[in-house]
Amino acid sequence: MSVLISVPELAEALASSAPPRLLDVRWSLAQPDGHADFEGGHIPGAVYVDLDTELADIGDPARGRHPLPTPEAFHAAARGWGLNDGEAVVVYDAGPSYGAARAWWLLRHAGVHDVRILDGGFAEWVAERGDVESGTVEPPHGSITLGWGEMPVIDGDGAAAWPEHGFLLDARAPERFRGDIEPMDPVAGHIPGAVSAPTSDNLAEDGRFYGRGGLGERFADLGIDAADAVAVYCGSGVTAAHQIAALEIAGFRAALYPGSWSEWANTPGRPVGTGEQSVGRLGHPLPHPKGHVARQQAP
């Protein structure tokens, strides 16, 4: 099943006898609650999804800023969105597809195979189609039955060991990877052995994903090929899902570290790398360039 759906493909699907369910996951670090934007205008038929309360189980900093919801909570949320067994689902957000990718990953993790991300999101829909509706949407309660555990997941210990046998990609901005700044978490830097692979590099200037060929080249430039084990983390497990979607478009299967840097940085004793990271097969580490150090957090 394709990861993406284009605006023309979605318009055609919505006009069919079996239209997909639409989930609007507008979210950003600067404005996590996108409900007002949704009410101001959304794709007709869409239902709003709150990332912080429905796609995460926020509370304990030791688990990171956006730990995964419990299977039971996610099951209840999906029924609240009106989802039923056998229906196709399309997820979107304002445009970069970061929030949408989190919903895509969780639905896949819960066993929904026919779920796609609207490439370019709401901005692309408005640019190409223009038809929107406003106001609150309260769908009839759905009856979907979900599973759990269908996407690969690792924990902090798995992330620590991953560079010994594969590629651990850090999807944050390069300056956060290097430890130059850290606007969100108590410690700056990255997991030692990780490779910087900013999520923003998955997107063209128009906010849509590069195609399979372009993304394949992007990850090949990092030294990744089909035989490599790949895992991804970011700040809190949200944009890492975007990276996993990009990897899947390119033909790679990747594991998610849901706690990501926000969990790692809140775990006493975890080592922290700073500076640049050499790119190469992590099973055969390259020397770190000058300025890269690993240090222990204070207990």
Protein backbone atom coordinates (compact mmCIF):
# COMPACT_ATOMS: atom_id res chain seq x y z
CA MET A 1 0.00 0.00 0.00
CA SER A 2 1.33 3.42 -0.97
CA VAL A 3 2.36 5.79 1.83
CA LEU A 4 1.11 8.91 0.02
CA ILE A 5 -1.97 10.12 -1.81
CA SER A 6 -2.02 13.21 -4.02
CA VAL A 7 -4.74 15.87 -4.02
CA PRO A 8 -6.20 14.68 -7.38
CA GLU A 9 -6.18 11.08 -6.15
CA LEU A 10 -7.93 12.09 -2.93
CA ALA A 11 -10.56 14.11 -4.78
CA GLU A 12 -11.30 11.09 -6.96
CA ALA A 13 -11.46 8.79 -3.94
CA LEU A 14 -13.83 11.13 -2.08
CA ALA A 15 -16.18 11.10 -5.07
CA SER A 16 -16.23 7.30 -5.18
CA SER A 17 -18.79 4.92 -3.67
CA ALA A 18 -16.37 4.12 -0.83
CA PRO A 19 -14.69 7.39 0.20
CA PRO A 20 -11.84 7.28 2.72
CA ARG A 21 -12.14 8.60 6.24
CA LEU A 22 -10.31 11.92 6.58
CA LEU A 23 -8.33 12.82 9.71
CA ASP A 24 -7.01 16.37 10.19
CA VAL A 25 -3.94 16.32 12.47
CA ARG A 26 -2.87 19.96 12.42
CA TRP A 27 -0.11 20.33 14.99
CA SER A 28 3.22 22.05 15.51
CA LEU A 29 5.59 22.65 18.41
CA ALA A 30 4.66 26.33 18.30
CA GLN A 31 0.90 25.62 18.19
CA PRO A 32 0.13 22.07 19.32
CA ASP A 33 -3.64 22.66 19.49
CA GLY A 34 -4.83 22.97 15.91
CA HIS A 35 -8.56 22.78 16.64
CA ALA A 36 -9.18 26.48 15.94
CA ASP A 37 -7.47 26.15 12.57
CA PHE A 38 -9.59 23.09 11.83
CA GLU A 39 -12.81 24.92 12.68
CA GLY A 40 -11.73 27.82 10.49
CA GLY A 41 -11.46 25.55 7.46
CA HIS A 42 -10.83 21.90 6.67
CA ILE A 43 -11.29 19.40 3.87
CA PRO A 44 -14.99 18.49 3.68
CA GLY A 45 -15.75 15.41 5.75
CA ALA A 46 -12.57 15.56 7.85
CA VAL A 47 -12.47 14.91 11.61
CA TYR A 48 -10.03 16.71 13.89
CA VAL A 49 -7.41 14.64 15.72
CA ASP A 50 -5.57 16.12 18.71
CA LEU A 51 -1.98 14.87 18.60
CA ASP A 52 -1.13 15.71 22.21
CA THR A 53 -4.18 14.02 23.76
CA GLU A 54 -5.10 11.29 21.24
CA LEU A 55 -1.79 10.32 19.62
CA ALA A 56 0.33 10.50 22.78
CA ASP A 57 0.21 9.74 26.49
CA ILE A 58 1.81 12.87 27.92
CA GLY A 59 2.65 13.08 31.61
CA ASP A 60 5.89 11.43 32.74
CA PRO A 61 9.00 13.28 31.44
CA ALA A 62 11.02 10.11 31.88
CA ARG A 63 9.00 8.61 29.00
CA GLY A 64 9.60 11.57 26.69
CA ARG A 65 7.39 14.44 25.56
CA HIS A 66 5.13 12.37 23.28
CA PRO A 67 5.16 8.75 24.44
CA LEU A 68 2.88 6.40 22.56
CA PRO A 69 -0.73 6.18 23.76
CA THR A 70 -1.85 2.93 25.30
CA PRO A 71 -3.49 0.51 22.87
CA GLU A 72 -6.77 0.92 24.73
CA ALA A 73 -6.71 4.71 24.56
CA PHE A 74 -5.84 4.70 20.88
CA HIS A 75 -8.59 2.18 20.16
CA ALA A 76 -11.12 4.42 21.88
CA ALA A 77 -9.84 7.50 20.04
CA ALA A 78 -10.08 5.78 16.64
CA ARG A 79 -13.68 4.81 17.31
CA GLY A 80 -14.33 8.40 18.38
CA TRP A 81 -13.10 9.57 14.98
CA GLY A 82 -15.74 7.36 13.41
CA LEU A 83 -13.40 4.71 11.98
CA ASN A 84 -14.79 1.32 11.00
CA ASP A 85 -13.16 -1.91 9.92
CA GLY A 86 -12.21 -2.14 6.27
CA GLU A 87 -12.34 1.60 5.54
CA ALA A 88 -9.50 3.48 3.90
CA VAL A 89 -8.06 6.37 5.90
CA VAL A 90 -6.28 9.53 4.73
CA VAL A 91 -4.43 11.72 7.22
CA TYR A 92 -3.24 15.28 6.68
CA ASP A 93 -2.05 18.37 8.50
CA ALA A 94 -1.23 21.96 7.52
CA GLY A 95 1.45 20.89 5.06
CA PRO A 96 4.76 19.47 6.29
CA SER A 97 2.97 16.20 7.23
CA TYR A 98 4.73 15.85 10.60
CA GLY A 99 1.53 15.44 12.62
CA ALA A 100 -0.06 13.43 9.81
CA ALA A 101 2.91 11.04 9.79
CA ARG A 102 2.45 10.39 13.51
CA ALA A 103 -1.18 9.39 12.87
CA TRP A 104 -0.12 7.31 9.84
CA TRP A 105 2.48 5.44 11.90
CA LEU A 106 0.14 4.77 14.82
CA LEU A 107 -2.66 3.52 12.57
CA ARG A 108 -0.20 1.22 10.81
CA HIS A 109 1.11 0.09 14.21
CA ALA A 110 -2.48 -0.72 15.19
CA GLY A 111 -3.09 -2.80 12.08
CA VAL A 112 -4.75 -0.33 9.67
CA HIS A 113 -2.97 -1.05 6.39
CA ASP A 114 -4.97 1.20 4.05
CA VAL A 115 -3.87 4.55 5.47
CA ARG A 116 -2.12 7.24 3.46
CA ILE A 117 -0.71 10.71 4.02
CA LEU A 118 -2.05 13.54 1.87
CA ASP A 119 1.11 14.79 0.16
CA GLY A 120 1.39 18.54 0.78
CA GLY A 121 -1.44 18.50 3.31
CA PHE A 122 -4.17 21.11 3.66
CA ALA A 123 -2.09 23.78 1.94
CA GLU A 124 -1.84 21.65 -1.19
CA TRP A 125 -5.56 20.86 -1.07
CA VAL A 126 -6.46 24.56 -0.90
CA ALA A 127 -4.02 25.41 -3.69
CA GLU A 128 -5.33 22.73 -6.05
CA ARG A 129 -8.99 22.39 -5.07
CA GLY A 130 -10.06 25.27 -2.88
CA ASP A 131 -13.21 23.67 -1.46
CA VAL A 132 -13.27 23.67 2.33
CA GLU A 133 -15.84 23.60 5.10
CA SER A 134 -15.73 25.15 8.54
CA GLY A 135 -17.06 24.42 12.01
CA THR A 136 -16.96 21.53 14.45
CA VAL A 137 -17.42 17.96 13.26
CA GLU A 138 -18.79 15.23 15.54
CA PRO A 139 -18.80 11.94 13.60
CA PRO A 140 -20.93 8.94 14.50
CA HIS A 141 -19.06 6.55 16.79
CA GLY A 142 -17.11 3.96 14.82
CA SER A 143 -16.70 0.23 15.45
CA ILE A 144 -13.13 -0.40 14.28
CA THR A 145 -11.19 -3.21 15.96
CA LEU A 146 -7.49 -2.51 16.24
CA GLY A 147 -4.44 -4.54 17.10
CA TRP A 148 -1.03 -3.31 18.23
CA GLY A 149 2.63 -3.87 17.52
CA GLU A 150 2.76 -4.10 13.72
CA MET A 151 5.50 -1.49 13.25
CA PRO A 152 9.01 -2.10 14.68
CA VAL A 153 9.79 -0.23 17.90
CA ILE A 154 12.92 0.05 20.05
CA ASP A 155 13.49 1.42 23.55
CA GLY A 156 16.38 3.43 24.96
CA ASP A 157 18.61 0.42 25.47
CA GLY A 158 17.89 -0.66 21.91
CA ALA A 159 18.80 2.80 20.64
CA ALA A 160 22.05 2.72 22.61
CA ALA A 161 23.05 -0.59 21.05
CA TRP A 162 21.69 0.06 17.55
CA PRO A 163 24.79 1.74 16.04
CA GLU A 164 26.72 -1.48 16.67
CA HIS A 165 24.81 -3.22 13.89
CA GLY A 166 22.90 -0.62 11.89
CA PHE A 167 22.04 3.00 11.24
CA LEU A 168 20.46 5.14 13.97
CA LEU A 169 19.11 8.27 12.30
CA ASP A 170 18.53 11.51 14.23
CA ALA A 171 15.70 13.36 12.48
CA ARG A 172 16.12 16.69 14.31
CA ALA A 173 17.66 19.86 12.93
CA PRO A 174 21.49 19.71 12.59
CA GLU A 175 22.08 22.36 15.24
CA ARG A 176 20.17 20.29 17.80
CA PHE A 177 22.06 17.16 16.76
CA ARG A 178 25.38 18.93 17.25
CA GLY A 179 24.28 20.24 20.64
CA ASP A 180 24.61 23.90 19.61
CA ILE A 181 21.11 24.58 20.94
CA GLU A 182 18.38 22.66 22.73
CA PRO A 183 15.08 24.56 23.00
CA MET A 184 12.97 21.73 24.40
CA ASP A 185 14.92 19.21 26.46
CA PRO A 186 17.25 19.40 29.49
CA VAL A 187 20.41 18.20 27.69
CA ALA A 188 21.78 19.17 24.26
CA GLY A 189 23.40 16.71 21.87
CA HIS A 190 22.62 13.32 20.33
CA ILE A 191 22.78 9.60 21.00
CA PRO A 192 26.39 8.52 20.41
CA GLY A 193 26.78 6.74 17.08
CA ALA A 194 23.71 8.36 15.53
CA VAL A 195 23.78 9.96 12.08
CA SER A 196 22.21 13.37 11.48
CA ALA A 197 19.38 13.06 8.93
CA PRO A 198 17.04 16.07 9.32
CA THR A 199 13.40 15.34 8.56
CA SER A 200 13.15 18.58 6.59
CA ASP A 201 15.37 17.02 3.91
CA ASN A 202 12.52 14.63 3.02
CA LEU A 203 10.54 17.51 1.50
CA ALA A 204 10.80 19.58 -1.65
CA GLU A 205 10.31 23.35 -1.54
CA ASP A 206 6.56 22.96 -2.13
CA GLY A 207 6.20 20.92 1.09
CA ARG A 208 5.64 17.59 -0.67
CA PHE A 209 7.79 14.51 -0.23
CA TYR A 210 10.53 13.84 -2.71
CA GLY A 211 9.68 10.77 -4.78
CA ARG A 212 11.02 7.26 -4.32
CA GLY A 213 14.08 8.03 -6.44
CA GLY A 214 14.94 11.27 -4.67
CA LEU A 215 14.47 9.80 -1.22
CA GLY A 216 16.40 6.70 -2.23
CA GLU A 217 19.33 8.91 -3.20
CA ARG A 218 19.02 10.86 0.05
CA PHE A 219 19.36 7.75 2.19
CA ALA A 220 21.96 6.17 -0.10
CA ASP A 221 24.06 9.31 0.44
CA LEU A 222 24.05 8.42 4.13
CA GLY A 223 25.42 5.00 3.24
CA ILE A 224 22.19 3.06 3.76
CA ASP A 225 21.26 0.17 1.52
CA ALA A 226 18.55 -2.48 1.54
CA ALA A 227 20.54 -4.84 3.77
CA ASP A 228 20.97 -2.33 6.60
CA ALA A 229 18.98 -2.20 9.83
CA VAL A 230 17.63 1.31 10.36
CA ALA A 231 16.09 2.99 13.40
CA VAL A 232 14.97 6.59 13.83
CA TYR A 233 14.52 9.04 16.67
CA CYS A 234 13.82 12.77 16.89
CA GLY A 235 12.92 15.07 19.76
CA SER A 236 9.81 13.27 20.95
CA GLY A 237 8.90 10.60 18.39
CA VAL A 238 6.71 12.76 16.14
CA THR A 239 8.93 13.84 13.27
CA ALA A 240 10.73 10.49 13.44
CA ALA A 241 7.50 8.99 12.09
CA HIS A 242 7.85 11.33 9.10
CA GLN A 243 11.34 9.92 8.54
CA ILE A 244 9.99 6.39 8.70
CA ALA A 245 7.36 7.29 6.11
CA ALA A 246 10.10 8.72 3.86
CA LEU A 247 12.21 5.60 4.35
CA GLU A 248 9.24 3.41 3.43
CA ILE A 249 8.65 5.45 0.27
CA ALA A 250 12.31 4.82 -0.58
CA GLY A 251 11.93 1.10 0.07
CA PHE A 252 13.40 0.78 3.57
CA ARG A 253 11.82 -0.61 6.74
CA ALA A 254 12.76 1.30 9.90
CA ALA A 255 12.13 1.04 13.63
CA LEU A 256 10.93 3.94 15.79
CA TYR A 257 12.39 4.95 19.13
CA PRO A 258 9.19 6.55 20.51
CA GLY A 259 10.78 8.17 23.57
CA SER A 260 13.44 9.75 21.35
CA TRP A 261 15.77 12.47 22.61
CA SER A 262 13.29 13.79 25.18
CA GLU A 263 13.30 10.41 26.94
CA TRP A 264 17.05 9.91 26.50
CA ALA A 265 17.83 13.37 27.91
CA ASN A 266 15.64 12.71 30.95
CA THR A 267 17.29 9.36 31.75
CA PRO A 268 20.20 9.74 34.21
CA GLY A 269 23.46 8.22 33.06
CA ARG A 270 22.75 8.12 29.32
CA PRO A 271 25.83 9.14 27.29
CA VAL A 272 25.53 12.22 25.11
CA GLY A 273 27.38 13.00 21.89
CA THR A 274 28.02 16.52 20.62
CA GLY A 275 29.47 17.96 17.43
CA GLU A 276 29.36 16.52 13.94
CA GLN A 277 29.04 12.82 13.21
CA SER A 278 30.93 11.04 10.46
CA VAL A 279 28.68 9.34 7.95
CA GLY A 280 29.28 5.69 7.14
CA ARG A 281 28.12 2.21 7.92
CA LEU A 282 27.69 2.20 11.64
CA GLY A 283 28.79 -1.40 11.80
CA HIS A 284 32.20 -0.02 10.75
CA PRO A 285 32.39 3.30 12.60
CA LEU A 286 34.41 6.13 11.08
CA PRO A 287 36.56 8.33 13.31
CA HIS A 288 34.60 11.21 14.74
CA PRO A 289 35.77 14.59 13.48
CA LYS A 290 37.39 16.97 15.89
CA GLY A 291 34.87 18.42 18.30
CA HIS A 292 32.77 15.27 18.68
CA VAL A 293 32.74 14.06 22.25
CA ALA A 294 30.69 11.71 24.34
CA ARG A 295 29.98 12.56 27.93
CA GLN A 296 27.95 11.04 30.72
CA GLN A 297 24.96 12.87 32.07
CA ALA A 298 25.03 13.60 35.76
CA PRO A 299 23.10 10.94 37.68
